[in-house]
N, C-alpha and C. Protein backbone atom coordinates (compact mmCIF):
# COMPACT_ATOMS: atom_id res chain seq x y z
N UNK A 1 -98.77 -5.91 102.63
CA UNK A 1 -98.35 -7.27 102.28
C UNK A 1 -97.70 -7.24 100.91
N UNK A 2 -96.45 -7.66 100.86
CA UNK A 2 -95.70 -7.67 99.62
C UNK A 2 -95.80 -9.06 98.99
N UNK A 3 -96.35 -9.13 97.80
CA UNK A 3 -96.57 -10.41 97.13
C UNK A 3 -95.24 -11.01 96.65
N UNK A 4 -94.28 -10.19 96.30
CA UNK A 4 -93.02 -10.68 95.75
C UNK A 4 -92.07 -11.21 96.81
N UNK A 5 -92.33 -10.93 98.08
CA UNK A 5 -91.45 -11.39 99.15
C UNK A 5 -91.68 -12.87 99.41
N UNK A 6 -90.61 -13.64 99.35
CA UNK A 6 -90.69 -15.07 99.63
C UNK A 6 -89.83 -15.34 100.85
N UNK A 7 -90.46 -15.80 101.91
CA UNK A 7 -89.76 -16.07 103.16
C UNK A 7 -89.25 -17.49 103.21
N UNK A 8 -88.62 -17.81 104.33
CA UNK A 8 -88.05 -19.14 104.53
C UNK A 8 -89.12 -20.22 104.51
N UNK A 9 -90.24 -19.94 105.13
CA UNK A 9 -91.33 -20.92 105.18
C UNK A 9 -91.83 -21.24 103.78
N UNK A 10 -92.00 -20.24 102.96
CA UNK A 10 -92.48 -20.46 101.60
C UNK A 10 -91.48 -21.27 100.78
N UNK A 11 -90.19 -20.98 100.96
CA UNK A 11 -89.16 -21.73 100.23
C UNK A 11 -89.18 -23.20 100.64
N UNK A 12 -89.33 -23.46 101.93
CA UNK A 12 -89.39 -24.84 102.42
C UNK A 12 -90.59 -25.57 101.83
N UNK A 13 -91.73 -24.90 101.78
CA UNK A 13 -92.94 -25.51 101.21
C UNK A 13 -92.74 -25.80 99.74
N UNK A 14 -92.14 -24.90 99.00
CA UNK A 14 -91.89 -25.10 97.57
C UNK A 14 -90.95 -26.28 97.36
N UNK A 15 -89.89 -26.37 98.16
CA UNK A 15 -88.94 -27.48 98.04
C UNK A 15 -89.63 -28.81 98.34
N UNK A 16 -90.47 -28.85 99.36
CA UNK A 16 -91.20 -30.08 99.68
C UNK A 16 -92.15 -30.49 98.56
N UNK A 17 -92.82 -29.53 97.96
CA UNK A 17 -93.74 -29.84 96.86
C UNK A 17 -92.96 -30.38 95.67
N UNK A 18 -91.81 -29.77 95.36
CA UNK A 18 -90.99 -30.25 94.25
C UNK A 18 -90.51 -31.67 94.53
N UNK A 19 -90.09 -31.94 95.76
CA UNK A 19 -89.67 -33.29 96.12
C UNK A 19 -90.80 -34.29 95.96
N UNK A 20 -92.00 -33.91 96.35
CA UNK A 20 -93.13 -34.81 96.22
C UNK A 20 -93.49 -35.06 94.75
N UNK A 21 -93.39 -34.03 93.94
CA UNK A 21 -93.78 -34.16 92.53
C UNK A 21 -92.75 -34.96 91.71
N UNK A 22 -91.47 -34.68 91.92
CA UNK A 22 -90.46 -35.24 91.05
C UNK A 22 -89.63 -36.35 91.70
N UNK A 23 -89.57 -36.40 92.99
CA UNK A 23 -88.76 -37.41 93.67
C UNK A 23 -87.30 -36.98 93.75
N UNK A 24 -86.59 -37.59 94.67
CA UNK A 24 -85.20 -37.21 94.91
C UNK A 24 -84.25 -37.55 93.79
N UNK A 25 -84.55 -38.57 93.02
CA UNK A 25 -83.63 -38.99 91.96
C UNK A 25 -83.75 -38.14 90.71
N UNK A 26 -84.91 -37.58 90.48
CA UNK A 26 -85.15 -36.82 89.25
C UNK A 26 -84.64 -35.37 89.36
N UNK A 27 -84.53 -34.84 90.57
CA UNK A 27 -84.16 -33.44 90.75
C UNK A 27 -82.76 -33.12 90.21
N UNK A 28 -81.72 -33.94 90.44
CA UNK A 28 -80.41 -33.61 89.84
C UNK A 28 -80.45 -33.55 88.32
N UNK A 29 -81.25 -34.42 87.70
CA UNK A 29 -81.39 -34.37 86.25
C UNK A 29 -82.06 -33.07 85.81
N UNK A 30 -83.07 -32.64 86.56
CA UNK A 30 -83.76 -31.38 86.24
C UNK A 30 -82.82 -30.19 86.39
N UNK A 31 -82.00 -30.19 87.45
CA UNK A 31 -81.06 -29.09 87.67
C UNK A 31 -79.97 -29.07 86.60
N UNK A 32 -79.55 -30.25 86.17
CA UNK A 32 -78.55 -30.34 85.10
C UNK A 32 -79.12 -29.76 83.80
N UNK A 33 -80.35 -30.12 83.50
CA UNK A 33 -81.00 -29.58 82.31
C UNK A 33 -81.20 -28.08 82.40
N UNK A 34 -81.56 -27.61 83.59
CA UNK A 34 -81.74 -26.17 83.80
C UNK A 34 -80.41 -25.44 83.62
N UNK A 35 -79.34 -26.01 84.14
CA UNK A 35 -78.01 -25.40 83.98
C UNK A 35 -77.60 -25.33 82.52
N UNK A 36 -77.86 -26.40 81.77
CA UNK A 36 -77.55 -26.40 80.34
C UNK A 36 -78.36 -25.33 79.60
N UNK A 37 -79.62 -25.21 79.99
CA UNK A 37 -80.47 -24.20 79.35
C UNK A 37 -79.99 -22.79 79.63
N UNK A 38 -79.59 -22.52 80.87
CA UNK A 38 -79.09 -21.19 81.22
C UNK A 38 -77.79 -20.90 80.48
N UNK A 39 -76.90 -21.91 80.41
CA UNK A 39 -75.64 -21.73 79.69
C UNK A 39 -75.88 -21.47 78.20
N UNK A 40 -76.81 -22.21 77.63
CA UNK A 40 -77.14 -22.02 76.22
C UNK A 40 -77.72 -20.63 75.98
N UNK A 41 -78.55 -20.18 76.91
CA UNK A 41 -79.13 -18.84 76.79
C UNK A 41 -78.05 -17.77 76.86
N UNK A 42 -77.13 -17.91 77.82
CA UNK A 42 -76.04 -16.93 77.95
C UNK A 42 -75.15 -16.93 76.71
N UNK A 43 -74.84 -18.14 76.20
CA UNK A 43 -74.04 -18.22 74.98
C UNK A 43 -74.75 -17.56 73.81
N UNK A 44 -76.05 -17.74 73.73
CA UNK A 44 -76.83 -17.13 72.65
C UNK A 44 -76.84 -15.62 72.75
N UNK A 45 -76.99 -15.11 73.97
CA UNK A 45 -76.98 -13.66 74.17
C UNK A 45 -75.61 -13.10 73.84
N UNK A 46 -74.56 -13.77 74.31
CA UNK A 46 -73.20 -13.32 74.01
C UNK A 46 -72.91 -13.42 72.52
N UNK A 47 -73.46 -14.41 71.86
CA UNK A 47 -73.27 -14.55 70.41
C UNK A 47 -73.93 -13.42 69.66
N UNK A 48 -75.09 -12.98 70.11
CA UNK A 48 -75.75 -11.84 69.47
C UNK A 48 -74.94 -10.58 69.67
N UNK A 49 -74.36 -10.41 70.87
CA UNK A 49 -73.53 -9.24 71.12
C UNK A 49 -72.29 -9.25 70.24
N UNK A 50 -71.67 -10.43 70.07
CA UNK A 50 -70.48 -10.52 69.24
C UNK A 50 -70.78 -10.27 67.77
N UNK A 51 -71.94 -10.73 67.30
CA UNK A 51 -72.30 -10.56 65.89
C UNK A 51 -72.66 -9.11 65.58
N UNK A 52 -73.13 -8.37 66.58
CA UNK A 52 -73.52 -7.00 66.32
C UNK A 52 -72.31 -6.07 66.18
N UNK A 53 -71.15 -6.52 66.69
CA UNK A 53 -69.93 -5.72 66.56
C UNK A 53 -69.20 -6.13 65.29
N UNK A 54 -68.91 -5.19 64.41
CA UNK A 54 -68.18 -5.55 63.19
C UNK A 54 -66.73 -5.91 63.53
N UNK A 55 -66.28 -6.99 62.94
CA UNK A 55 -64.89 -7.40 63.15
C UNK A 55 -64.20 -7.48 61.81
N UNK A 56 -62.94 -7.16 61.81
CA UNK A 56 -62.13 -7.23 60.60
C UNK A 56 -60.90 -8.06 60.91
N UNK A 57 -60.70 -9.13 60.17
CA UNK A 57 -59.59 -10.05 60.43
C UNK A 57 -58.24 -9.37 60.21
N UNK A 58 -58.19 -8.35 59.38
CA UNK A 58 -56.92 -7.69 59.08
C UNK A 58 -56.48 -6.73 60.18
N UNK A 59 -57.37 -6.32 61.04
CA UNK A 59 -57.00 -5.37 62.08
C UNK A 59 -56.31 -6.04 63.25
N UNK A 60 -56.46 -7.34 63.43
CA UNK A 60 -55.85 -8.06 64.54
C UNK A 60 -54.62 -8.79 64.04
N UNK A 61 -53.46 -8.47 64.61
CA UNK A 61 -52.24 -9.17 64.23
C UNK A 61 -51.71 -9.90 65.45
N UNK A 62 -51.16 -11.04 65.24
CA UNK A 62 -50.62 -11.86 66.30
C UNK A 62 -49.12 -11.95 66.10
N UNK A 63 -48.34 -11.55 67.10
CA UNK A 63 -46.89 -11.55 66.96
C UNK A 63 -46.34 -12.97 66.92
N UNK A 64 -47.06 -13.94 67.45
CA UNK A 64 -46.60 -15.31 67.43
C UNK A 64 -46.92 -16.01 66.11
N UNK A 65 -47.76 -15.42 65.31
CA UNK A 65 -48.17 -16.00 64.05
C UNK A 65 -47.20 -15.52 62.96
N UNK A 66 -46.41 -16.43 62.36
CA UNK A 66 -45.42 -16.01 61.37
C UNK A 66 -46.04 -15.47 60.08
N UNK A 67 -47.31 -15.77 59.81
CA UNK A 67 -47.92 -15.28 58.58
C UNK A 67 -48.46 -13.87 58.72
N UNK A 68 -48.60 -13.38 59.96
CA UNK A 68 -49.13 -12.03 60.12
C UNK A 68 -48.01 -11.01 59.91
N UNK A 69 -48.39 -9.87 59.35
CA UNK A 69 -47.44 -8.82 59.08
C UNK A 69 -47.66 -7.68 60.04
N UNK A 70 -46.57 -7.09 60.53
CA UNK A 70 -46.67 -6.00 61.49
C UNK A 70 -46.70 -4.67 60.79
């Protein structure tokens, strides 16, 4: 018996319990908040990755920028 396996029946039971606890109107708000939290987490992780890489403003030149020198 695998404890981590979740079948269709278990998913249906979980969805029904969530519906009973929170109601149909509250679930979209919960999912919206969950989506914002996941996005914030991903942005935070990506921000840590960007900060760990040293960047130098002088190494990047833009040909469309008239102030940059080639």
